[in-house]
Amino acid sequence: MNKEQLIKELAFKASRSSGSGGQNVNKVSTKVELRFNIDKSLELNKDEKDRIKLKLKNRISNEEILIITSDSERTQLGNKKKVIELFFELIEKAIKKPKKRLKTKPSKISVEKRLNEKKIQSEKKKNRSLE
């Protein structure tokens, strides 16, 4: 995955942040929204696109556009950096293939120990009824 090529495919939009913050919030557009059209991406293959759509479906719009926003920083540049970091973090997690689970069996010693403990417990209960 070529990060420089993916960055070229991103679209950014700045808007005013909500919430408290005084005069700065009311006049400066610091909130950054990242938009990434998954279907039109040239950098990702079909399998990766499908995996992203499955794993990040709650962040994807009806038009198959991944939307990520950030308004935690005081500057537009800071929010842009943060939203790009989050984008790559999400993409890498979504693309990563899960490891296959290997079937394992209990060891002979552990099976033997379990059966031995069952015998001991059984003997205890038998002895109770004899008393």
C-alpha atoms as a PDB file:
ATOM      1  CA  MET A   1       0.000   0.000   0.000  1.00  0.00           C
ATOM      2  CA  ASN A   2       1.547   3.282  -1.167  1.00  0.00           C
ATOM      3  CA  LYS A   3       0.660   6.007   1.354  1.00  0.00           C
ATOM      4  CA  GLU A   4       1.599   8.911  -0.939  1.00  0.00           C
ATOM      5  CA  GLN A   5      -0.747   7.628  -3.653  1.00  0.00           C
ATOM      6  CA  LEU A   6      -3.567   7.131  -1.124  1.00  0.00           C
ATOM      7  CA  ILE A   7      -3.131  10.681   0.195  1.00  0.00           C
ATOM      8  CA  LYS A   8      -3.656  11.977  -3.356  1.00  0.00           C
ATOM      9  CA  GLU A   9      -7.007  10.147  -3.439  1.00  0.00           C
ATOM     10  CA  LEU A  10      -8.262  11.848  -0.254  1.00  0.00           C
ATOM     11  CA  ALA A  11     -10.579  14.854  -0.237  1.00  0.00           C
ATOM     12  CA  PHE A  12     -10.661  17.314   2.674  1.00  0.00           C
ATOM     13  CA  LYS A  13     -13.301  19.755   3.804  1.00  0.00           C
ATOM     14  CA  ALA A  14     -12.940  22.305   6.615  1.00  0.00           C
ATOM     15  CA  SER A  15     -15.819  23.645   8.687  1.00  0.00           C
ATOM     16  CA  ARG A  16     -16.470  25.334  12.007  1.00  0.00           C
ATOM     17  CA  SER A  17     -16.153  23.172  15.089  1.00  0.00           C
ATOM     18  CA  SER A  18     -19.040  22.837  17.496  1.00  0.00           C
ATOM     19  CA  GLY A  19     -18.985  23.180  21.258  1.00  0.00           C
ATOM     20  CA  SER A  20     -17.292  25.541  23.652  1.00  0.00           C
ATOM     21  CA  GLY A  21     -14.160  27.475  22.816  1.00  0.00           C
ATOM     22  CA  GLY A  22     -15.125  31.136  22.798  1.00  0.00           C
ATOM     23  CA  GLN A  23     -14.704  33.505  19.889  1.00  0.00           C
ATOM     24  CA  ASN A  24     -12.181  31.315  18.057  1.00  0.00           C
ATOM     25  CA  VAL A  25     -14.762  28.559  17.470  1.00  0.00           C
ATOM     26  CA  ASN A  26     -17.262  31.005  16.001  1.00  0.00           C
ATOM     27  CA  LYS A  27     -14.967  32.484  13.358  1.00  0.00           C
ATOM     28  CA  VAL A  28     -12.313  29.886  12.411  1.00  0.00           C
ATOM     29  CA  SER A  29     -12.871  26.707  10.393  1.00  0.00           C
ATOM     30  CA  THR A  30     -10.702  24.194  12.232  1.00  0.00           C
ATOM     31  CA  LYS A  31     -12.799  21.022  11.963  1.00  0.00           C
ATOM     32  CA  VAL A  32     -11.509  18.782   9.160  1.00  0.00           C
ATOM     33  CA  GLU A  33     -13.529  16.115   7.365  1.00  0.00           C
ATOM     34  CA  LEU A  34     -11.703  13.483   5.312  1.00  0.00           C
ATOM     35  CA  ARG A  35     -13.557  11.789   2.454  1.00  0.00           C
ATOM     36  CA  PHE A  36     -12.254   8.699   0.671  1.00  0.00           C
ATOM     37  CA  ASN A  37     -14.119   7.094  -2.227  1.00  0.00           C
ATOM     38  CA  ILE A  38     -13.392   3.398  -1.780  1.00  0.00           C
ATOM     39  CA  ASP A  39     -14.675   2.218  -5.164  1.00  0.00           C
ATOM     40  CA  LYS A  40     -12.641   4.775  -7.157  1.00  0.00           C
ATOM     41  CA  SER A  41      -9.366   4.039  -5.370  1.00  0.00           C
ATOM     42  CA  LEU A  42      -6.609   2.893  -7.722  1.00  0.00           C
ATOM     43  CA  GLU A  43      -4.241   1.892  -4.914  1.00  0.00           C
ATOM     44  CA  LEU A  44      -6.450  -0.797  -3.316  1.00  0.00           C
ATOM     45  CA  ASN A  45      -7.381  -4.132  -4.904  1.00  0.00           C
ATOM     46  CA  LYS A  46     -10.904  -5.607  -4.869  1.00  0.00           C
ATOM     47  CA  ASP A  47     -10.228  -7.876  -1.875  1.00  0.00           C
ATOM     48  CA  GLU A  48      -8.908  -4.956   0.211  1.00  0.00           C
ATOM     49  CA  LYS A  49     -11.859  -2.763  -0.776  1.00  0.00           C
ATOM     50  CA  ASP A  50     -14.340  -5.479   0.246  1.00  0.00           C
ATOM     51  CA  ARG A  51     -12.577  -5.996   3.573  1.00  0.00           C
ATOM     52  CA  ILE A  52     -12.623  -2.227   4.270  1.00  0.00           C
ATOM     53  CA  LYS A  53     -16.334  -2.024   3.428  1.00  0.00           C
ATOM     54  CA  LEU A  54     -17.063  -4.888   5.804  1.00  0.00           C
ATOM     55  CA  LYS A  55     -14.922  -3.727   8.744  1.00  0.00           C
ATOM     56  CA  LEU A  56     -15.661   0.029   8.505  1.00  0.00           C
ATOM     57  CA  LYS A  57     -19.312  -0.102   7.423  1.00  0.00           C
ATOM     58  CA  ASN A  58     -20.427   2.212  10.253  1.00  0.00           C
ATOM     59  CA  ARG A  59     -18.128   4.973   8.908  1.00  0.00           C
ATOM     60  CA  ILE A  60     -19.114   4.559   5.244  1.00  0.00           C
ATOM     61  CA  SER A  61     -21.927   6.546   3.603  1.00  0.00           C
ATOM     62  CA  ASN A  62     -24.504   5.173   1.160  1.00  0.00           C
ATOM     63  CA  GLU A  63     -22.328   6.433  -1.731  1.00  0.00           C
ATOM     64  CA  GLU A  64     -19.467   4.122  -0.555  1.00  0.00           C
ATOM     65  CA  ILE A  65     -17.442   7.068   0.784  1.00  0.00           C
ATOM     66  CA  LEU A  66     -15.420   6.658   3.982  1.00  0.00           C
ATOM     67  CA  ILE A  67     -15.854   9.758   6.162  1.00  0.00           C
ATOM     68  CA  ILE A  68     -13.601  10.615   9.114  1.00  0.00           C
ATOM     69  CA  THR A  69     -13.700  13.898  11.046  1.00  0.00           C
ATOM     70  CA  SER A  70     -11.497  15.564  13.635  1.00  0.00           C
ATOM     71  CA  ASP A  71     -12.039  18.751  15.629  1.00  0.00           C
ATOM     72  CA  SER A  72      -9.930  18.013  18.699  1.00  0.00           C
ATOM     73  CA  GLU A  73      -6.997  20.282  17.743  1.00  0.00           C
ATOM     74  CA  ARG A  74      -7.034  24.080  17.729  1.00  0.00           C
ATOM     75  CA  THR A  75      -5.692  24.382  14.185  1.00  0.00           C
ATOM     76  CA  GLN A  76      -6.895  23.130  10.836  1.00  0.00           C
ATOM     77  CA  LEU A  77      -3.442  21.728  10.059  1.00  0.00           C
ATOM     78  CA  GLY A  78      -3.362  19.833  13.366  1.00  0.00           C
ATOM     79  CA  ASN A  79      -6.772  18.307  12.669  1.00  0.00           C
ATOM     80  CA  LYS A  80      -5.716  17.409   9.114  1.00  0.00           C
ATOM     81  CA  LYS A  81      -2.656  15.539  10.403  1.00  0.00           C
ATOM     82  CA  LYS A  82      -4.751  13.783  13.029  1.00  0.00           C
ATOM     83  CA  VAL A  83      -7.435  12.717  10.529  1.00  0.00           C
ATOM     84  CA  ILE A  84      -4.785  11.350   8.115  1.00  0.00           C
ATOM     85  CA  GLU A  85      -3.174   9.337  10.945  1.00  0.00           C
ATOM     86  CA  LEU A  86      -6.570   7.930  11.919  1.00  0.00           C
ATOM     87  CA  PHE A  87      -7.335   7.100   8.283  1.00  0.00           C
ATOM     88  CA  PHE A  88      -4.148   5.046   7.833  1.00  0.00           C
ATOM     89  CA  GLU A  89      -4.647   3.370  11.213  1.00  0.00           C
ATOM     90  CA  LEU A  90      -8.194   2.309  10.278  1.00  0.00           C
ATOM     91  CA  ILE A  91      -7.208   1.176   6.767  1.00  0.00           C
ATOM     92  CA  GLU A  92      -4.275  -0.924   8.019  1.00  0.00           C
ATOM     93  CA  LYS A  93      -6.435  -2.609  10.680  1.00  0.00           C
ATOM     94  CA  ALA A  94      -9.207  -3.306   8.169  1.00  0.00           C
ATOM     95  CA  ILE A  95      -6.900  -4.733   5.497  1.00  0.00           C
ATOM     96  CA  LYS A  96      -4.971  -6.991   7.892  1.00  0.00           C
ATOM     97  CA  LYS A  97      -5.996 -10.619   7.478  1.00  0.00           C
ATOM     98  CA  PRO A  98      -6.806 -12.468  10.694  1.00  0.00           C
ATOM     99  CA  LYS A  99      -4.612 -15.435  11.585  1.00  0.00           C
ATOM    100  CA  LYS A 100      -6.077 -18.896  11.149  1.00  0.00           C
ATOM    101  CA  ARG A 101      -6.781 -20.659  14.426  1.00  0.00           C
ATOM    102  CA  LEU A 102      -4.794 -23.830  14.883  1.00  0.00           C
ATOM    103  CA  LYS A 103      -6.645 -26.709  16.533  1.00  0.00           C
ATOM    104  CA  THR A 104      -4.883 -27.975  19.623  1.00  0.00           C
ATOM    105  CA  LYS A 105      -5.314 -31.022  21.805  1.00  0.00           C
ATOM    106  CA  PRO A 106      -4.730 -31.238  25.544  1.00  0.00           C
ATOM    107  CA  SER A 107      -1.421 -32.860  26.460  1.00  0.00           C
ATOM    108  CA  LYS A 108      -1.331 -36.445  27.749  1.00  0.00           C
ATOM    109  CA  ILE A 109      -0.181 -35.241  31.163  1.00  0.00           C
ATOM    110  CA  SER A 110      -3.076 -32.762  31.510  1.00  0.00           C
ATOM    111  CA  VAL A 111      -5.629 -35.437  30.490  1.00  0.00           C
ATOM    112  CA  GLU A 112      -4.083 -37.882  32.960  1.00  0.00           C
ATOM    113  CA  LYS A 113      -4.119 -35.255  35.725  1.00  0.00           C
ATOM    114  CA  ARG A 114      -7.787 -34.405  35.072  1.00  0.00           C
ATOM    115  CA  LEU A 115      -8.820 -38.072  35.182  1.00  0.00           C
ATOM    116  CA  ASN A 116      -6.802 -38.639  38.336  1.00  0.00           C
ATOM    117  CA  GLU A 117      -8.499 -35.667  40.046  1.00  0.00           C
ATOM    118  CA  LYS A 118     -11.895 -37.050  39.012  1.00  0.00           C
ATOM    119  CA  LYS A 119     -11.028 -40.419  40.582  1.00  0.00           C
ATOM    120  CA  ILE A 120      -9.974 -38.727  43.819  1.00  0.00           C
ATOM    121  CA  GLN A 121     -13.223 -36.710  43.915  1.00  0.00           C
ATOM    122  CA  SER A 122     -15.223 -39.876  43.210  1.00  0.00           C
ATOM    123  CA  GLU A 123     -13.491 -41.700  46.065  1.00  0.00           C
ATOM    124  CA  LYS A 124     -14.293 -38.842  48.454  1.00  0.00           C
ATOM    125  CA  LYS A 125     -17.979 -39.050  47.591  1.00  0.00           C
ATOM    126  CA  LYS A 126     -18.051 -42.835  47.909  1.00  0.00           C
ATOM    127  CA  ASN A 127     -16.463 -42.600  51.345  1.00  0.00           C
ATOM    128  CA  ARG A 128     -19.135 -40.111  52.453  1.00  0.00           C
ATOM    129  CA  SER A 129     -21.930 -42.552  51.721  1.00  0.00           C
ATOM    130  CA  LEU A 130     -20.189 -45.310  53.691  1.00  0.00           C
ATOM    131  CA  GLU A 131     -19.946 -43.233  56.849  1.00  0.00           C
END
